[in-house]
């Protein structure tokens, strides 16, 4: 748990789920940000930035619905350690999400445990939006997103 400058808790949102797929399969899908809108409730569109191949330094613009409005946010892949972990960081806008995804083998390696750890950085108007709207919405949405991810991946051939 982190503390902000005024001493209030700034805890991340962390959820895990088991998926009946091999870690390599889960990681390949999960760490590719173009899939975000397929399994994340608030993500309405994803567009790659430039022609850089997927990997560290690659960027996407994710349009998210927050309340009744839609906001574009640029995310950059800052870490990539297949098939174990990745990190995406928001680089612009009033609300910048930071997510670390971890995939661990379960059992004989035919199942995976996915853990997502999400936090936010607020700038300008985001300082009001994060505690009042963004963080509560993300807390409600995270478990549903992981369940959607599980269902989607377990149905894929």
C-alpha atoms as a PDB file:
ATOM      1  CA  UNK A   1       0.000   0.000   0.000  1.00  0.00           C
ATOM      2  CA  UNK A   2       1.292   3.448  -0.900  1.00  0.00           C
ATOM      3  CA  UNK A   3       0.604   6.728   0.809  1.00  0.00           C
ATOM      4  CA  UNK A   4       0.070   9.977  -1.028  1.00  0.00           C
ATOM      5  CA  UNK A   5       1.648  13.213   0.207  1.00  0.00           C
ATOM      6  CA  UNK A   6      -1.260  14.030   2.534  1.00  0.00           C
ATOM      7  CA  UNK A   7      -1.082  10.590   4.163  1.00  0.00           C
ATOM      8  CA  UNK A   8      -4.255   9.076   2.697  1.00  0.00           C
ATOM      9  CA  UNK A   9      -4.065   5.447   1.587  1.00  0.00           C
ATOM     10  CA  UNK A  10      -3.615   4.976  -2.140  1.00  0.00           C
ATOM     11  CA  UNK A  11      -4.103   1.221  -2.385  1.00  0.00           C
ATOM     12  CA  UNK A  12      -4.081  -0.615  -5.663  1.00  0.00           C
ATOM     13  CA  UNK A  13      -6.927  -2.845  -6.817  1.00  0.00           C
ATOM     14  CA  UNK A  14      -5.755  -6.441  -7.032  1.00  0.00           C
ATOM     15  CA  UNK A  15      -7.770  -9.495  -8.170  1.00  0.00           C
ATOM     16  CA  UNK A  16      -6.879 -13.056  -9.198  1.00  0.00           C
ATOM     17  CA  UNK A  17      -8.711 -15.787 -11.091  1.00  0.00           C
ATOM     18  CA  UNK A  18      -7.896 -19.299 -12.335  1.00  0.00           C
ATOM     19  CA  UNK A  19      -8.316 -20.042 -16.021  1.00  0.00           C
ATOM     20  CA  UNK A  20      -8.357 -23.512 -17.551  1.00  0.00           C
ATOM     21  CA  UNK A  21      -5.749 -22.698 -20.214  1.00  0.00           C
ATOM     22  CA  UNK A  22      -1.970 -23.012 -20.392  1.00  0.00           C
ATOM     23  CA  UNK A  23      -0.026 -19.933 -19.142  1.00  0.00           C
ATOM     24  CA  UNK A  24       1.490 -19.365 -22.611  1.00  0.00           C
ATOM     25  CA  UNK A  25      -1.972 -19.153 -24.192  1.00  0.00           C
ATOM     26  CA  UNK A  26      -3.357 -16.896 -21.466  1.00  0.00           C
ATOM     27  CA  UNK A  27      -0.327 -14.609 -21.543  1.00  0.00           C
ATOM     28  CA  UNK A  28      -0.319 -14.241 -25.333  1.00  0.00           C
ATOM     29  CA  UNK A  29      -3.907 -12.948 -25.232  1.00  0.00           C
ATOM     30  CA  UNK A  30      -3.755 -10.968 -21.996  1.00  0.00           C
ATOM     31  CA  UNK A  31      -0.515  -9.093 -22.714  1.00  0.00           C
ATOM     32  CA  UNK A  32      -1.715  -7.912 -26.132  1.00  0.00           C
ATOM     33  CA  UNK A  33      -3.544  -4.635 -25.396  1.00  0.00           C
ATOM     34  CA  UNK A  34      -5.524  -4.757 -28.650  1.00  0.00           C
ATOM     35  CA  UNK A  35      -7.776  -7.299 -26.874  1.00  0.00           C
ATOM     36  CA  UNK A  36      -8.710  -4.981 -23.974  1.00  0.00           C
ATOM     37  CA  UNK A  37     -12.101  -3.975 -25.366  1.00  0.00           C
ATOM     38  CA  UNK A  38     -13.051  -7.655 -25.727  1.00  0.00           C
ATOM     39  CA  UNK A  39     -12.922  -8.360 -21.994  1.00  0.00           C
ATOM     40  CA  UNK A  40     -12.854  -5.040 -20.119  1.00  0.00           C
ATOM     41  CA  UNK A  41     -16.242  -3.478 -19.464  1.00  0.00           C
ATOM     42  CA  UNK A  42     -15.126   0.171 -19.577  1.00  0.00           C
ATOM     43  CA  UNK A  43     -12.850  -0.197 -22.637  1.00  0.00           C
ATOM     44  CA  UNK A  44     -14.893   0.714 -25.708  1.00  0.00           C
ATOM     45  CA  UNK A  45     -12.093   0.899 -28.317  1.00  0.00           C
ATOM     46  CA  UNK A  46      -8.363   0.256 -28.704  1.00  0.00           C
ATOM     47  CA  UNK A  47      -6.137   1.664 -31.437  1.00  0.00           C
ATOM     48  CA  UNK A  48      -2.392   0.963 -31.827  1.00  0.00           C
ATOM     49  CA  UNK A  49      -0.167   4.045 -32.072  1.00  0.00           C
ATOM     50  CA  UNK A  50       2.306   3.932 -34.943  1.00  0.00           C
ATOM     51  CA  UNK A  51       3.689   0.760 -36.481  1.00  0.00           C
ATOM     52  CA  UNK A  52       5.931  -0.360 -33.638  1.00  0.00           C
ATOM     53  CA  UNK A  53       5.596  -4.128 -33.058  1.00  0.00           C
ATOM     54  CA  UNK A  54       4.016  -5.389 -29.833  1.00  0.00           C
ATOM     55  CA  UNK A  55       6.521  -5.269 -26.999  1.00  0.00           C
ATOM     56  CA  UNK A  56       8.186  -2.831 -24.619  1.00  0.00           C
ATOM     57  CA  UNK A  57       7.630   0.721 -25.816  1.00  0.00           C
ATOM     58  CA  UNK A  58       4.566  -0.116 -27.940  1.00  0.00           C
ATOM     59  CA  UNK A  59       1.619   2.209 -27.351  1.00  0.00           C
ATOM     60  CA  UNK A  60      -2.150   1.983 -27.766  1.00  0.00           C
ATOM     61  CA  UNK A  61      -4.917   4.527 -27.297  1.00  0.00           C
ATOM     62  CA  UNK A  62      -7.658   3.004 -25.152  1.00  0.00           C
ATOM     63  CA  UNK A  63     -11.002   4.798 -25.133  1.00  0.00           C
ATOM     64  CA  UNK A  64     -12.745   4.181 -21.807  1.00  0.00           C
ATOM     65  CA  UNK A  65     -16.216   4.939 -20.600  1.00  0.00           C
ATOM     66  CA  UNK A  66     -16.083   6.626 -17.199  1.00  0.00           C
ATOM     67  CA  UNK A  67     -19.565   7.395 -15.973  1.00  0.00           C
ATOM     68  CA  UNK A  68     -21.409   8.771 -19.007  1.00  0.00           C
ATOM     69  CA  UNK A  69     -18.331  10.121 -20.773  1.00  0.00           C
ATOM     70  CA  UNK A  70     -15.650   8.549 -22.935  1.00  0.00           C
ATOM     71  CA  UNK A  71     -11.965   9.390 -22.519  1.00  0.00           C
ATOM     72  CA  UNK A  72      -9.042   8.370 -24.751  1.00  0.00           C
ATOM     73  CA  UNK A  73      -5.898   7.361 -22.837  1.00  0.00           C
ATOM     74  CA  UNK A  74      -2.505   6.395 -24.213  1.00  0.00           C
ATOM     75  CA  UNK A  75      -1.020   3.278 -22.621  1.00  0.00           C
ATOM     76  CA  UNK A  76       2.570   2.094 -23.085  1.00  0.00           C
ATOM     77  CA  UNK A  77       3.925  -1.410 -22.541  1.00  0.00           C
ATOM     78  CA  UNK A  78       6.711  -0.753 -20.035  1.00  0.00           C
ATOM     79  CA  UNK A  79       7.553  -4.353 -19.046  1.00  0.00           C
ATOM     80  CA  UNK A  80       7.131  -7.656 -20.842  1.00  0.00           C
ATOM     81  CA  UNK A  81       8.360 -10.986 -19.443  1.00  0.00           C
ATOM     82  CA  UNK A  82       6.527 -13.773 -21.350  1.00  0.00           C
ATOM     83  CA  UNK A  83       4.774 -15.870 -20.191  1.00  0.00           C
ATOM     84  CA  UNK A  84       4.917 -14.466 -16.652  1.00  0.00           C
ATOM     85  CA  UNK A  85       4.279 -10.737 -16.406  1.00  0.00           C
ATOM     86  CA  UNK A  86       3.713  -7.427 -18.157  1.00  0.00           C
ATOM     87  CA  UNK A  87       3.070  -3.833 -17.215  1.00  0.00           C
ATOM     88  CA  UNK A  88       1.049  -1.177 -19.036  1.00  0.00           C
ATOM     89  CA  UNK A  89       1.302   2.450 -17.968  1.00  0.00           C
ATOM     90  CA  UNK A  90      -0.899   5.408 -18.815  1.00  0.00           C
ATOM     91  CA  UNK A  91       1.237   8.222 -20.220  1.00  0.00           C
ATOM     92  CA  UNK A  92      -1.245  11.057 -20.760  1.00  0.00           C
ATOM     93  CA  UNK A  93      -4.538  12.498 -19.632  1.00  0.00           C
ATOM     94  CA  UNK A  94      -5.962  13.425 -16.244  1.00  0.00           C
ATOM     95  CA  UNK A  95      -6.282   9.765 -15.159  1.00  0.00           C
ATOM     96  CA  UNK A  96      -3.392   7.401 -15.884  1.00  0.00           C
ATOM     97  CA  UNK A  97      -3.874   3.736 -15.163  1.00  0.00           C
ATOM     98  CA  UNK A  98      -0.981   1.492 -14.231  1.00  0.00           C
ATOM     99  CA  UNK A  99      -1.626  -2.239 -14.499  1.00  0.00           C
ATOM    100  CA  UNK A 100       0.659  -5.155 -13.827  1.00  0.00           C
ATOM    101  CA  UNK A 101      -0.491  -8.546 -15.050  1.00  0.00           C
ATOM    102  CA  UNK A 102       0.957 -11.804 -13.763  1.00  0.00           C
ATOM    103  CA  UNK A 103       0.288 -15.307 -15.091  1.00  0.00           C
ATOM    104  CA  UNK A 104       1.326 -18.337 -13.020  1.00  0.00           C
ATOM    105  CA  UNK A 105       1.026 -22.027 -13.907  1.00  0.00           C
ATOM    106  CA  UNK A 106      -1.390 -24.066 -11.778  1.00  0.00           C
ATOM    107  CA  UNK A 107      -1.424 -27.848 -11.366  1.00  0.00           C
ATOM    108  CA  UNK A 108       0.364 -29.615 -14.211  1.00  0.00           C
ATOM    109  CA  UNK A 109       0.628 -26.380 -16.180  1.00  0.00           C
ATOM    110  CA  UNK A 110      -2.701 -26.889 -17.943  1.00  0.00           C
ATOM    111  CA  UNK A 111      -4.293 -24.061 -15.896  1.00  0.00           C
ATOM    112  CA  UNK A 112      -3.214 -20.530 -15.052  1.00  0.00           C
ATOM    113  CA  UNK A 113      -3.713 -18.059 -12.241  1.00  0.00           C
ATOM    114  CA  UNK A 114      -4.057 -14.510 -13.534  1.00  0.00           C
ATOM    115  CA  UNK A 115      -3.475 -11.643 -11.121  1.00  0.00           C
ATOM    116  CA  UNK A 116      -4.125  -8.066 -12.170  1.00  0.00           C
ATOM    117  CA  UNK A 117      -2.890  -5.204 -10.013  1.00  0.00           C
ATOM    118  CA  UNK A 118      -4.295  -1.787 -10.992  1.00  0.00           C
ATOM    119  CA  UNK A 119      -3.513   1.659  -9.671  1.00  0.00           C
ATOM    120  CA  UNK A 120      -4.107   5.208 -10.846  1.00  0.00           C
ATOM    121  CA  UNK A 121      -2.173   8.445 -11.121  1.00  0.00           C
ATOM    122  CA  UNK A 122      -4.263  11.619 -11.154  1.00  0.00           C
ATOM    123  CA  UNK A 123      -3.473  14.966 -12.800  1.00  0.00           C
ATOM    124  CA  UNK A 124      -5.630  18.126 -12.879  1.00  0.00           C
ATOM    125  CA  UNK A 125      -9.333  17.220 -12.906  1.00  0.00           C
ATOM    126  CA  UNK A 126      -8.291  13.593 -12.409  1.00  0.00           C
ATOM    127  CA  UNK A 127      -7.527  14.405  -8.762  1.00  0.00           C
ATOM    128  CA  UNK A 128     -11.289  14.630  -8.198  1.00  0.00           C
ATOM    129  CA  UNK A 129     -12.267  11.896 -10.686  1.00  0.00           C
ATOM    130  CA  UNK A 130     -10.006   9.137  -9.347  1.00  0.00           C
ATOM    131  CA  UNK A 131     -11.382   8.871  -5.792  1.00  0.00           C
ATOM    132  CA  UNK A 132     -14.985   9.783  -6.651  1.00  0.00           C
ATOM    133  CA  UNK A 133     -15.591   7.931  -9.920  1.00  0.00           C
ATOM    134  CA  UNK A 134     -12.648   6.029 -11.403  1.00  0.00           C
ATOM    135  CA  UNK A 135     -11.422   3.941  -8.454  1.00  0.00           C
ATOM    136  CA  UNK A 136     -14.962   2.892  -7.311  1.00  0.00           C
ATOM    137  CA  UNK A 137     -15.899   1.953 -10.899  1.00  0.00           C
ATOM    138  CA  UNK A 138     -12.662  -0.008 -11.367  1.00  0.00           C
ATOM    139  CA  UNK A 139     -13.180  -1.881  -8.068  1.00  0.00           C
ATOM    140  CA  UNK A 140     -16.672  -2.961  -9.158  1.00  0.00           C
ATOM    141  CA  UNK A 141     -15.517  -3.856 -12.655  1.00  0.00           C
ATOM    142  CA  UNK A 142     -12.277  -5.782 -11.947  1.00  0.00           C
ATOM    143  CA  UNK A 143     -13.797  -9.110 -10.832  1.00  0.00           C
ATOM    144  CA  UNK A 144     -16.359  -8.993 -13.678  1.00  0.00           C
ATOM    145  CA  UNK A 145     -13.552  -8.307 -16.169  1.00  0.00           C
ATOM    146  CA  UNK A 146     -11.533 -11.270 -14.928  1.00  0.00           C
ATOM    147  CA  UNK A 147     -14.618 -13.511 -15.132  1.00  0.00           C
ATOM    148  CA  UNK A 148     -15.229 -12.331 -18.714  1.00  0.00           C
ATOM    149  CA  UNK A 149     -11.555 -13.013 -19.536  1.00  0.00           C
ATOM    150  CA  UNK A 150     -11.860 -16.533 -18.080  1.00  0.00           C
ATOM    151  CA  UNK A 151     -15.021 -17.317 -20.036  1.00  0.00           C
ATOM    152  CA  UNK A 152     -13.596 -15.919 -23.264  1.00  0.00           C
ATOM    153  CA  UNK A 153     -10.292 -17.827 -23.011  1.00  0.00           C
ATOM    154  CA  UNK A 154     -11.860 -21.106 -21.914  1.00  0.00           C
ATOM    155  CA  UNK A 155     -14.168 -21.012 -24.993  1.00  0.00           C
ATOM    156  CA  UNK A 156     -11.360 -20.270 -27.474  1.00  0.00           C
ATOM    157  CA  UNK A 157     -10.030 -23.201 -29.528  1.00  0.00           C
END
